C-alpha atoms as a PDB file:
ATOM      1  CA  MET A   1      23.351 -46.436  -8.744  1.00  0.00           C
ATOM      2  CA  MET A   2      21.479 -43.155  -8.647  1.00  0.00           C
ATOM      3  CA  ASP A   3      20.900 -41.169  -5.455  1.00  0.00           C
ATOM      4  CA  ARG A   4      17.172 -41.289  -4.742  1.00  0.00           C
ATOM      5  CA  LEU A   5      16.857 -37.702  -3.384  1.00  0.00           C
ATOM      6  CA  THR A   6      18.789 -36.329  -6.355  1.00  0.00           C
ATOM      7  CA  SER A   7      16.591 -38.238  -8.766  1.00  0.00           C
ATOM      8  CA  MET A   8      13.477 -36.953  -6.982  1.00  0.00           C
ATOM      9  CA  THR A   9      14.808 -33.405  -7.280  1.00  0.00           C
ATOM     10  CA  VAL A  10      15.390 -33.863 -11.005  1.00  0.00           C
ATOM     11  CA  PHE A  11      11.937 -35.400 -11.516  1.00  0.00           C
ATOM     12  CA  VAL A  12      10.206 -32.541  -9.664  1.00  0.00           C
ATOM     13  CA  LYS A  13      12.096 -29.942 -11.695  1.00  0.00           C
ATOM     14  CA  ALA A  14      11.288 -31.691 -14.987  1.00  0.00           C
ATOM     15  CA  ALA A  15       7.606 -31.915 -14.055  1.00  0.00           C
ATOM     16  CA  GLU A  16       7.439 -28.268 -12.966  1.00  0.00           C
ATOM     17  CA  LEU A  17       9.295 -26.832 -15.963  1.00  0.00           C
ATOM     18  CA  GLY A  18       7.657 -29.070 -18.549  1.00  0.00           C
ATOM     19  CA  SER A  19      10.724 -30.448 -20.318  1.00  0.00           C
ATOM     20  CA  PHE A  20      13.988 -32.264 -19.738  1.00  0.00           C
ATOM     21  CA  ALA A  21      15.893 -29.452 -21.482  1.00  0.00           C
ATOM     22  CA  ALA A  22      14.501 -26.789 -19.133  1.00  0.00           C
ATOM     23  CA  ALA A  23      15.204 -28.955 -16.087  1.00  0.00           C
ATOM     24  CA  ALA A  24      18.729 -29.613 -17.309  1.00  0.00           C
ATOM     25  CA  GLU A  25      19.438 -25.891 -17.700  1.00  0.00           C
ATOM     26  CA  ALA A  26      18.005 -25.100 -14.255  1.00  0.00           C
ATOM     27  CA  LEU A  27      19.996 -27.872 -12.553  1.00  0.00           C
ATOM     28  CA  GLY A  28      23.252 -27.463 -14.478  1.00  0.00           C
ATOM     29  CA  MET A  29      23.285 -30.926 -16.040  1.00  0.00           C
ATOM     30  CA  SER A  30      22.694 -32.437 -19.482  1.00  0.00           C
ATOM     31  CA  PRO A  31      19.205 -33.398 -20.761  1.00  0.00           C
ATOM     32  CA  GLN A  32      20.510 -36.956 -21.086  1.00  0.00           C
ATOM     33  CA  MET A  33      21.323 -37.042 -17.367  1.00  0.00           C
ATOM     34  CA  VAL A  34      17.853 -35.707 -16.540  1.00  0.00           C
ATOM     35  CA  ALA A  35      16.374 -38.531 -18.612  1.00  0.00           C
ATOM     36  CA  LYS A  36      18.547 -41.082 -16.777  1.00  0.00           C
ATOM     37  CA  HIS A  37      17.347 -39.888 -13.363  1.00  0.00           C
ATOM     38  CA  VAL A  38      13.689 -40.079 -14.374  1.00  0.00           C
ATOM     39  CA  ALA A  39      14.185 -43.467 -16.053  1.00  0.00           C
ATOM     40  CA  TRP A  40      15.897 -44.795 -12.896  1.00  0.00           C
ATOM     41  CA  LEU A  41      12.933 -43.732 -10.748  1.00  0.00           C
ATOM     42  CA  GLU A  42      10.477 -45.304 -13.169  1.00  0.00           C
ATOM     43  CA  ALA A  43      12.440 -48.564 -13.239  1.00  0.00           C
ATOM     44  CA  ARG A  44      12.637 -48.604  -9.448  1.00  0.00           C
ATOM     45  CA  LEU A  45       8.892 -47.991  -9.115  1.00  0.00           C
ATOM     46  CA  GLY A  46       7.888 -50.177 -12.034  1.00  0.00           C
ATOM     47  CA  ALA A  47       5.612 -47.409 -13.309  1.00  0.00           C
ATOM     48  CA  THR A  48       5.631 -44.565 -15.823  1.00  0.00           C
ATOM     49  CA  LEU A  49       5.843 -41.139 -14.214  1.00  0.00           C
ATOM     50  CA  LEU A  50       6.045 -38.961 -17.304  1.00  0.00           C
ATOM     51  CA  ASN A  51       4.368 -39.723 -20.614  1.00  0.00           C
ATOM     52  CA  ARG A  52       6.799 -38.375 -23.198  1.00  0.00           C
ATOM     53  CA  THR A  53       6.613 -37.767 -26.929  1.00  0.00           C
ATOM     54  CA  THR A  54       8.943 -35.842 -29.224  1.00  0.00           C
ATOM     55  CA  ARG A  55       6.758 -32.748 -28.756  1.00  0.00           C
ATOM     56  CA  ARG A  56       5.455 -32.770 -25.216  1.00  0.00           C
ATOM     57  CA  GLN A  57       5.364 -34.496 -21.869  1.00  0.00           C
ATOM     58  CA  ASN A  58       2.694 -34.862 -19.231  1.00  0.00           C
ATOM     59  CA  LEU A  59       2.400 -36.564 -15.871  1.00  0.00           C
ATOM     60  CA  SER A  60       0.738 -39.944 -15.559  1.00  0.00           C
ATOM     61  CA  ASP A  61      -1.781 -40.479 -12.763  1.00  0.00           C
ATOM     62  CA  ILE A  62       0.908 -42.204 -10.724  1.00  0.00           C
ATOM     63  CA  GLY A  63       3.323 -39.408 -11.642  1.00  0.00           C
ATOM     64  CA  ARG A  64       0.996 -36.722 -10.272  1.00  0.00           C
ATOM     65  CA  SER A  65       0.651 -38.496  -6.916  1.00  0.00           C
ATOM     66  CA  TYR A  66       4.351 -39.290  -6.770  1.00  0.00           C
ATOM     67  CA  LEU A  67       5.225 -35.656  -7.548  1.00  0.00           C
ATOM     68  CA  GLU A  68       3.326 -34.359  -4.516  1.00  0.00           C
ATOM     69  CA  ARG A  69       4.954 -36.897  -2.196  1.00  0.00           C
ATOM     70  CA  CYS A  70       8.401 -36.074  -3.632  1.00  0.00           C
ATOM     71  CA  LYS A  71       7.879 -32.411  -2.774  1.00  0.00           C
ATOM     72  CA  VAL A  72       7.050 -33.341   0.814  1.00  0.00           C
ATOM     73  CA  VAL A  73      10.109 -35.587   1.095  1.00  0.00           C
ATOM     74  CA  LEU A  74      12.435 -32.950  -0.381  1.00  0.00           C
ATOM     75  CA  ASP A  75      11.032 -30.248   1.908  1.00  0.00           C
ATOM     76  CA  GLU A  76      11.626 -32.478   4.927  1.00  0.00           C
ATOM     77  CA  ALA A  77      15.155 -33.262   3.767  1.00  0.00           C
ATOM     78  CA  GLU A  78      15.891 -29.542   3.427  1.00  0.00           C
ATOM     79  CA  ALA A  79      14.402 -28.901   6.874  1.00  0.00           C
ATOM     80  CA  ALA A  80      16.649 -31.609   8.325  1.00  0.00           C
ATOM     81  CA  ASP A  81      19.683 -29.917   6.774  1.00  0.00           C
ATOM     82  CA  ARG A  82      18.617 -26.582   8.276  1.00  0.00           C
ATOM     83  CA  VAL A  83      18.287 -28.155  11.730  1.00  0.00           C
ATOM     84  CA  ALA A  84      21.802 -29.566  11.425  1.00  0.00           C
ATOM     85  CA  GLN A  85      23.142 -26.156  10.378  1.00  0.00           C
ATOM     86  CA  GLU A  86      21.410 -24.484  13.315  1.00  0.00           C
ATOM     87  CA  MET A  87      22.869 -27.020  15.715  1.00  0.00           C
ATOM     88  CA  LYS A  88      26.285 -26.015  14.384  1.00  0.00           C
ATOM     89  CA  GLY A  89      25.340 -22.434  15.222  1.00  0.00           C
ATOM     90  CA  THR A  90      26.770 -21.156  11.939  1.00  0.00           C
ATOM     91  CA  PRO A  91      24.571 -18.952   9.723  1.00  0.00           C
ATOM     92  CA  SER A  92      24.154 -20.438   6.271  1.00  0.00           C
ATOM     93  CA  GLY A  93      21.777 -20.449   3.351  1.00  0.00           C
ATOM     94  CA  THR A  94      20.003 -17.683   1.453  1.00  0.00           C
ATOM     95  CA  LEU A  95      18.370 -14.756   3.260  1.00  0.00           C
ATOM     96  CA  ARG A  96      15.828 -12.614   1.393  1.00  0.00           C
ATOM     97  CA  VAL A  97      15.849  -8.982   2.557  1.00  0.00           C
ATOM     98  CA  ASN A  98      13.693  -5.998   1.561  1.00  0.00           C
ATOM     99  CA  ALA A  99      14.723  -2.401   2.338  1.00  0.00           C
ATOM    100  CA  PRO A 100      14.006   1.199   1.278  1.00  0.00           C
ATOM    101  CA  VAL A 101      15.875   2.323  -1.841  1.00  0.00           C
ATOM    102  CA  THR A 102      18.159   5.085  -0.534  1.00  0.00           C
ATOM    103  CA  PHE A 103      19.014   3.452   2.796  1.00  0.00           C
ATOM    104  CA  GLY A 104      19.505   0.077   1.117  1.00  0.00           C
ATOM    105  CA  ALA A 105      21.821   1.348  -1.607  1.00  0.00           C
ATOM    106  CA  THR A 106      23.903   3.679   0.537  1.00  0.00           C
ATOM    107  CA  ALA A 107      24.074   2.403   4.108  1.00  0.00           C
ATOM    108  CA  LEU A 108      22.779  -1.184   4.077  1.00  0.00           C
ATOM    109  CA  ALA A 109      24.847  -2.462   1.133  1.00  0.00           C
ATOM    110  CA  PRO A 110      28.219  -1.894   2.876  1.00  0.00           C
ATOM    111  CA  PHE A 111      26.834  -3.594   5.992  1.00  0.00           C
ATOM    112  CA  ILE A 112      25.768  -6.606   3.918  1.00  0.00           C
ATOM    113  CA  THR A 113      29.190  -7.044   2.340  1.00  0.00           C
ATOM    114  CA  ARG A 114      30.750  -7.020   5.813  1.00  0.00           C
ATOM    115  CA  TYR A 115      28.197  -9.587   6.985  1.00  0.00           C
ATOM    116  CA  LEU A 116      28.875 -11.871   4.000  1.00  0.00           C
ATOM    117  CA  ARG A 117      32.597 -11.630   4.682  1.00  0.00           C
ATOM    118  CA  GLN A 118      32.023 -12.681   8.282  1.00  0.00           C
ATOM    119  CA  TYR A 119      29.677 -15.558   7.376  1.00  0.00           C
ATOM    120  CA  PRO A 120      30.930 -17.131   4.116  1.00  0.00           C
ATOM    121  CA  GLU A 121      28.200 -19.789   4.072  1.00  0.00           C
ATOM    122  CA  THR A 122      25.431 -17.193   3.696  1.00  0.00           C
ATOM    123  CA  HIS A 123      23.876 -15.664   0.597  1.00  0.00           C
ATOM    124  CA  ILE A 124      21.716 -12.529   0.610  1.00  0.00           C
ATOM    125  CA  GLU A 125      19.111 -11.500  -1.949  1.00  0.00           C
ATOM    126  CA  LEU A 126      18.420  -7.786  -1.403  1.00  0.00           C
ATOM    127  CA  THR A 127      15.388  -6.107  -2.971  1.00  0.00           C
ATOM    128  CA  LEU A 128      15.109  -2.327  -2.731  1.00  0.00           C
ATOM    129  CA  SER A 129      11.676  -0.728  -2.791  1.00  0.00           C
ATOM    130  CA  ASP A 130       9.985   2.200  -1.074  1.00  0.00           C
ATOM    131  CA  ALA A 131       6.576   0.533  -1.453  1.00  0.00           C
ATOM    132  CA  ILE A 132       4.985  -1.407   1.397  1.00  0.00           C
ATOM    133  CA  VAL A 133       5.302  -5.099   0.573  1.00  0.00           C
ATOM    134  CA  ASP A 134       3.526  -8.214   1.779  1.00  0.00           C
ATOM    135  CA  PRO A 135       6.425 -10.259   3.214  1.00  0.00           C
ATOM    136  CA  LEU A 136       4.572 -13.561   3.136  1.00  0.00           C
ATOM    137  CA  GLU A 137       3.445 -13.164  -0.454  1.00  0.00           C
ATOM    138  CA  ALA A 138       6.847 -11.907  -1.631  1.00  0.00           C
ATOM    139  CA  GLY A 139       8.808 -14.411   0.461  1.00  0.00           C
ATOM    140  CA  TYR A 140      10.922 -11.895   2.396  1.00  0.00           C
ATOM    141  CA  GLU A 141      12.436 -13.094   5.665  1.00  0.00           C
ATOM    142  CA  VAL A 142      13.688  -9.722   6.908  1.00  0.00           C
ATOM    143  CA  ILE A 143      12.269  -6.266   6.114  1.00  0.00           C
ATOM    144  CA  ILE A 144      13.597  -2.828   7.007  1.00  0.00           C
ATOM    145  CA  ARG A 145      11.104   0.032   7.160  1.00  0.00           C
ATOM    146  CA  ILE A 146      11.460   3.755   7.727  1.00  0.00           C
ATOM    147  CA  GLY A 147       8.544   5.620   9.321  1.00  0.00           C
ATOM    148  CA  GLU A 148       5.801   4.824  11.778  1.00  0.00           C
ATOM    149  CA  LEU A 149       4.693   1.191  11.861  1.00  0.00           C
ATOM    150  CA  ASN A 150       1.085   0.399  11.063  1.00  0.00           C
ATOM    151  CA  ASP A 151       1.252  -3.417  10.982  1.00  0.00           C
ATOM    152  CA  SER A 152       1.319  -4.547  14.613  1.00  0.00           C
ATOM    153  CA  SER A 153       1.463  -8.238  13.630  1.00  0.00           C
ATOM    154  CA  MET A 154       5.087  -7.932  12.465  1.00  0.00           C
ATOM    155  CA  ILE A 155       7.852  -8.699  14.935  1.00  0.00           C
ATOM    156  CA  ALA A 156       9.782  -5.412  15.092  1.00  0.00           C
ATOM    157  CA  LYS A 157      13.082  -4.268  16.574  1.00  0.00           C
ATOM    158  CA  PRO A 158      14.083  -0.591  16.565  1.00  0.00           C
ATOM    159  CA  LEU A 159      17.178   0.627  14.757  1.00  0.00           C
ATOM    160  CA  ARG A 160      18.891   4.001  14.796  1.00  0.00           C
ATOM    161  CA  PRO A 161      16.425   6.674  13.612  1.00  0.00           C
ATOM    162  CA  TYR A 162      16.795   7.759  10.001  1.00  0.00           C
ATOM    163  CA  LYS A 163      18.123  11.318  10.361  1.00  0.00           C
ATOM    164  CA  LEU A 164      18.356  13.848   7.544  1.00  0.00           C
ATOM    165  CA  ILE A 165      20.712  16.829   7.374  1.00  0.00           C
ATOM    166  CA  ALA A 166      21.159  19.635   4.831  1.00  0.00           C
ATOM    167  CA  CYS A 167      24.436  19.978   2.932  1.00  0.00           C
ATOM    168  CA  ALA A 168      25.949  21.861   0.014  1.00  0.00           C
ATOM    169  CA  SER A 169      29.339  21.965  -1.657  1.00  0.00           C
ATOM    170  CA  PRO A 170      31.976  24.536  -0.649  1.00  0.00           C
ATOM    171  CA  VAL A 171      31.842  25.897  -4.203  1.00  0.00           C
ATOM    172  CA  TYR A 172      28.094  26.478  -4.029  1.00  0.00           C
ATOM    173  CA  LEU A 173      28.264  28.140  -0.607  1.00  0.00           C
ATOM    174  CA  ALA A 174      31.093  30.434  -1.691  1.00  0.00           C
ATOM    175  CA  ARG A 175      29.014  31.486  -4.697  1.00  0.00           C
ATOM    176  CA  GLU A 176      25.546  31.762  -3.118  1.00  0.00           C
ATOM    177  CA  GLY A 177      26.217  32.357   0.560  1.00  0.00           C
ATOM    178  CA  ILE A 178      25.521  30.230   3.645  1.00  0.00           C
ATOM    179  CA  PRO A 179      21.889  29.904   4.833  1.00  0.00           C
ATOM    180  CA  GLN A 180      21.532  30.902   8.480  1.00  0.00           C
ATOM    181  CA  THR A 181      17.904  29.845   9.075  1.00  0.00           C
ATOM    182  CA  PRO A 182      15.526  27.382   7.404  1.00  0.00           C
ATOM    183  CA  SER A 183      13.636  30.271   5.775  1.00  0.00           C
ATOM    184  CA  ASP A 184      16.854  31.242   3.971  1.00  0.00           C
ATOM    185  CA  LEU A 185      16.588  28.002   2.016  1.00  0.00           C
ATOM    186  CA  GLU A 186      13.605  29.410   0.127  1.00  0.00           C
ATOM    187  CA  ARG A 187      16.031  31.720  -1.700  1.00  0.00           C
ATOM    188  CA  HIS A 188      18.460  28.918  -2.554  1.00  0.00           C
ATOM    189  CA  ALA A 189      18.581  26.233  -5.221  1.00  0.00           C
ATOM    190  CA  CYS A 190      17.403  23.137  -3.388  1.00  0.00           C
ATOM    191  CA  LEU A 191      17.683  19.612  -4.762  1.00  0.00           C
ATOM    192  CA  VAL A 192      14.242  18.149  -4.207  1.00  0.00           C
ATOM    193  CA  TYR A 193      13.628  14.438  -3.657  1.00  0.00           C
ATOM    194  CA  GLY A 194      10.354  13.250  -5.158  1.00  0.00           C
ATOM    195  CA  ILE A 195       7.961  14.845  -7.575  1.00  0.00           C
ATOM    196  CA  TRP A 196       6.081  17.752  -5.997  1.00  0.00           C
ATOM    197  CA  SER A 197       3.537  20.154  -7.479  1.00  0.00           C
ATOM    198  CA  SER A 198       2.329  23.698  -6.882  1.00  0.00           C
ATOM    199  CA  THR A 199      -0.609  22.285  -4.942  1.00  0.00           C
ATOM    200  CA  HIS A 200       1.689  20.029  -2.887  1.00  0.00           C
ATOM    201  CA  PRO A 201       4.950  21.968  -2.445  1.00  0.00           C
ATOM    202  CA  CYS A 202       8.026  20.383  -0.904  1.00  0.00           C
ATOM    203  CA  ARG A 203       8.589  21.349   2.728  1.00  0.00           C
ATOM    204  CA  TRP A 204      11.743  20.814   4.720  1.00  0.00           C
ATOM    205  CA  ARG A 205      11.202  20.936   8.495  1.00  0.00           C
ATOM    206  CA  PHE A 206      13.863  21.724  11.081  1.00  0.00           C
ATOM    207  CA  GLU A 207      13.747  22.062  14.852  1.00  0.00           C
ATOM    208  CA  LYS A 208      15.625  24.293  17.287  1.00  0.00           C
ATOM    209  CA  ASP A 209      15.003  24.935  20.981  1.00  0.00           C
ATOM    210  CA  GLY A 210      11.766  22.940  20.799  1.00  0.00           C
ATOM    211  CA  LYS A 211      10.370  25.030  17.934  1.00  0.00           C
ATOM    212  CA  THR A 212       9.719  23.726  14.431  1.00  0.00           C
ATOM    213  CA  GLU A 213      10.617  25.874  11.430  1.00  0.00           C
ATOM    214  CA  GLU A 214       9.555  25.029   7.910  1.00  0.00           C
ATOM    215  CA  ALA A 215      10.935  25.999   4.519  1.00  0.00           C
ATOM    216  CA  ARG A 216       9.027  25.659   1.241  1.00  0.00           C
ATOM    217  CA  VAL A 217      11.955  24.758  -0.968  1.00  0.00           C
ATOM    218  CA  GLN A 218      12.281  24.672  -4.717  1.00  0.00           C
ATOM    219  CA  GLY A 219      14.960  24.236  -7.330  1.00  0.00           C
ATOM    220  CA  ARG A 220      15.674  23.393 -10.938  1.00  0.00           C
ATOM    221  CA  PHE A 221      16.540  19.744 -10.288  1.00  0.00           C
ATOM    222  CA  ARG A 222      14.149  17.184  -8.825  1.00  0.00           C
ATOM    223  CA  ALA A 223      14.532  13.394  -8.829  1.00  0.00           C
ATOM    224  CA  ASN A 224      12.980  10.263  -7.393  1.00  0.00           C
ATOM    225  CA  ASP A 225      16.447   8.826  -6.696  1.00  0.00           C
ATOM    226  CA  TRP A 226      18.421  10.606  -3.999  1.00  0.00           C
ATOM    227  CA  LYS A 227      21.787   9.394  -5.311  1.00  0.00           C
ATOM    228  CA  ALA A 228      21.244  11.592  -8.377  1.00  0.00           C
ATOM    229  CA  LEU A 229      20.671  14.589  -6.091  1.00  0.00           C
ATOM    230  CA  LEU A 230      23.794  13.752  -4.089  1.00  0.00           C
ATOM    231  CA  HIS A 231      25.857  13.873  -7.270  1.00  0.00           C
ATOM    232  CA  ALA A 232      24.336  17.264  -8.150  1.00  0.00           C
ATOM    233  CA  ALA A 233      25.105  18.626  -4.670  1.00  0.00           C
ATOM    234  CA  VAL A 234      28.745  17.555  -4.894  1.00  0.00           C
ATOM    235  CA  GLU A 235      28.944  19.247  -8.296  1.00  0.00           C
ATOM    236  CA  GLY A 236      27.752  22.526  -6.747  1.00  0.00           C
ATOM    237  CA  TYR A 237      24.201  22.686  -8.103  1.00  0.00           C
ATOM    238  CA  GLY A 238      22.407  23.279  -4.813  1.00  0.00           C
ATOM    239  CA  VAL A 239      21.465  22.187  -1.303  1.00  0.00           C
ATOM    240  CA  THR A 240      20.515  18.586  -0.613  1.00  0.00           C
ATOM    241  CA  LEU A 241      18.631  17.084   2.317  1.00  0.00           C
ATOM    242  CA  GLY A 242      19.781  13.517   2.839  1.00  0.00           C
ATOM    243  CA  PRO A 243      20.682  10.754   5.279  1.00  0.00           C
ATOM    244  CA  ALA A 244      23.272  11.798   7.841  1.00  0.00           C
ATOM    245  CA  ASP A 245      25.052   8.423   7.680  1.00  0.00           C
ATOM    246  CA  VAL A 246      25.884   8.909   4.005  1.00  0.00           C
ATOM    247  CA  LEU A 247      26.541  12.645   4.027  1.00  0.00           C
ATOM    248  CA  ARG A 248      28.984  12.303   6.905  1.00  0.00           C
ATOM    249  CA  ALA A 249      31.452  10.549   4.596  1.00  0.00           C
ATOM    250  CA  GLU A 250      31.053  13.295   1.968  1.00  0.00           C
ATOM    251  CA  MET A 251      31.718  15.952   4.617  1.00  0.00           C
ATOM    252  CA  GLU A 252      34.799  14.143   5.913  1.00  0.00           C
ATOM    253  CA  ALA A 253      36.117  14.063   2.344  1.00  0.00           C
ATOM    254  CA  GLY A 254      35.528  17.821   2.018  1.00  0.00           C
ATOM    255  CA  ARG A 255      33.077  17.465  -0.842  1.00  0.00           C
ATOM    256  CA  LEU A 256      30.114  18.780   1.170  1.00  0.00           C
ATOM    257  CA  VAL A 257      29.539  21.051   4.158  1.00  0.00           C
ATOM    258  CA  GLN A 258      26.627  20.790   6.578  1.00  0.00           C
ATOM    259  CA  ILE A 259      24.427  23.865   6.713  1.00  0.00           C
ATOM    260  CA  LEU A 260      22.123  24.815   9.593  1.00  0.00           C
ATOM    261  CA  PRO A 261      24.195  22.688  12.013  1.00  0.00           C
ATOM    262  CA  ASP A 262      22.426  24.284  15.000  1.00  0.00           C
ATOM    263  CA  TYR A 263      19.116  22.879  13.795  1.00  0.00           C
ATOM    264  CA  THR A 264      17.862  19.302  14.006  1.00  0.00           C
ATOM    265  CA  GLY A 265      16.745  18.022  10.640  1.00  0.00           C
ATOM    266  CA  PRO A 266      13.873  15.632   9.948  1.00  0.00           C
ATOM    267  CA  SER A 267      14.098  12.258  11.685  1.00  0.00           C
ATOM    268  CA  ARG A 268      11.976   9.150  11.233  1.00  0.00           C
ATOM    269  CA  PRO A 269      11.943   5.863  13.155  1.00  0.00           C
ATOM    270  CA  MET A 270      13.504   2.834  11.507  1.00  0.00           C
ATOM    271  CA  HIS A 271      12.815  -0.819  12.339  1.00  0.00           C
ATOM    272  CA  VAL A 272      13.871  -4.270  11.233  1.00  0.00           C
ATOM    273  CA  LEU A 273      10.860  -6.558  10.873  1.00  0.00           C
ATOM    274  CA  VAL A 274      10.250 -10.286  10.679  1.00  0.00           C
ATOM    275  CA  PRO A 275       6.922 -11.611   9.330  1.00  0.00           C
ATOM    276  CA  PRO A 276       4.638 -13.251  11.912  1.00  0.00           C
ATOM    277  CA  GLY A 277       5.052 -16.993  12.140  1.00  0.00           C
ATOM    278  CA  ARG A 278       8.512 -16.930  10.575  1.00  0.00           C
ATOM    279  CA  ARG A 279      10.807 -19.345  12.406  1.00  0.00           C
ATOM    280  CA  GLN A 280      13.813 -17.555  13.903  1.00  0.00           C
ATOM    281  CA  THR A 281      16.633 -19.472  12.220  1.00  0.00           C
ATOM    282  CA  VAL A 282      20.298 -18.869  12.936  1.00  0.00           C
ATOM    283  CA  LYS A 283      20.740 -16.870   9.734  1.00  0.00           C
ATOM    284  CA  ILE A 284      17.802 -14.567  10.590  1.00  0.00           C
ATOM    285  CA  ARG A 285      18.880 -14.092  14.203  1.00  0.00           C
ATOM    286  CA  SER A 286      22.510 -13.407  13.332  1.00  0.00           C
ATOM    287  CA  PHE A 287      21.568 -10.926  10.595  1.00  0.00           C
ATOM    288  CA  ILE A 288      19.230  -8.985  12.873  1.00  0.00           C
ATOM    289  CA  GLU A 289      21.742  -8.956  15.744  1.00  0.00           C
ATOM    290  CA  ALA A 290      24.480  -7.688  13.428  1.00  0.00           C
ATOM    291  CA  LEU A 291      22.091  -5.072  12.005  1.00  0.00           C
ATOM    292  CA  CYS A 292      21.192  -3.802  15.482  1.00  0.00           C
ATOM    293  CA  ASP A 293      24.894  -3.592  16.361  1.00  0.00           C
ATOM    294  CA  ALA A 294      25.657  -1.628  13.175  1.00  0.00           C
ATOM    295  CA  PHE A 295      22.664   0.714  13.527  1.00  0.00           C
ATOM    296  CA  PRO A 296      22.059   0.787  17.290  1.00  0.00           C
ATOM    297  CA  PRO A 297      18.885   2.502  18.538  1.00  0.00           C
ATOM    298  CA  PRO A 298      18.962   5.100  21.323  1.00  0.00           C
ATOM    299  CA  ALA A 299      18.940   3.561  24.797  1.00  0.00           C
ATOM    300  CA  ALA A 300      15.388   4.842  25.316  1.00  0.00           C
ATOM    301  CA  LEU A 301      14.129   2.556  22.533  1.00  0.00           C
ATOM    302  CA  LEU A 302      15.730  -0.631  23.829  1.00  0.00           C
END
């Protein structure tokens, strides 16, 4: 005897994808088994759900109504499973996360692997993008943003500010000299993130003793991916301005040296966000708590 929920799942997939073959591939079973599930439902109901020919299939009137009710039943069954998982208190299921490109690829990815190791029943789908996304439309459950927040409807928790520092390789500094002030950078080869123009030059801002100093930097290598600039800096092609969390490991390995250590580099706020109305499941709560522990904000922001 067939399992009714499984047969409903197969029927919904076959109706949505338009063929038994497509449903079989999506569900990891044979087309013959898909046909058996649908035939079992039809025999149980005493009605045709899918009108099938050798070329096409389409829902019957009863099939259309039954399809909508099946979706409701399957959604409720999944919700019941989630409630049971939450009562266990163990994070499980798939979590969809969106984060900025550089932070996501360099600092967040190692955090995620540690999280997955700690919670083996979880799966994470990470999308990296520097564009502002609509979490409800895109289906993201957790979003990380760098910069000032404009959307007050999002539930936000502060993380450690995103701090940038300037570094260069020992080889480059031995060849070109060590900058002593931000203005010295204007005479150095700087590795510029983003595409700037003569009308919108790149400016690196530093602060010391409450005063801001600015350098209009330029160089032969520009890129819209900071990891490419990091590689160039390690190879001795210039000065890079990048995230302190990542550059710290390069400095500890001796591949890079911080310059202008007496100055404070650019810093921007960073938050983890949850869309409004999103139910705080165990997987979301545990991920955010672990994220705040890994990237703790200053006490003043708590």
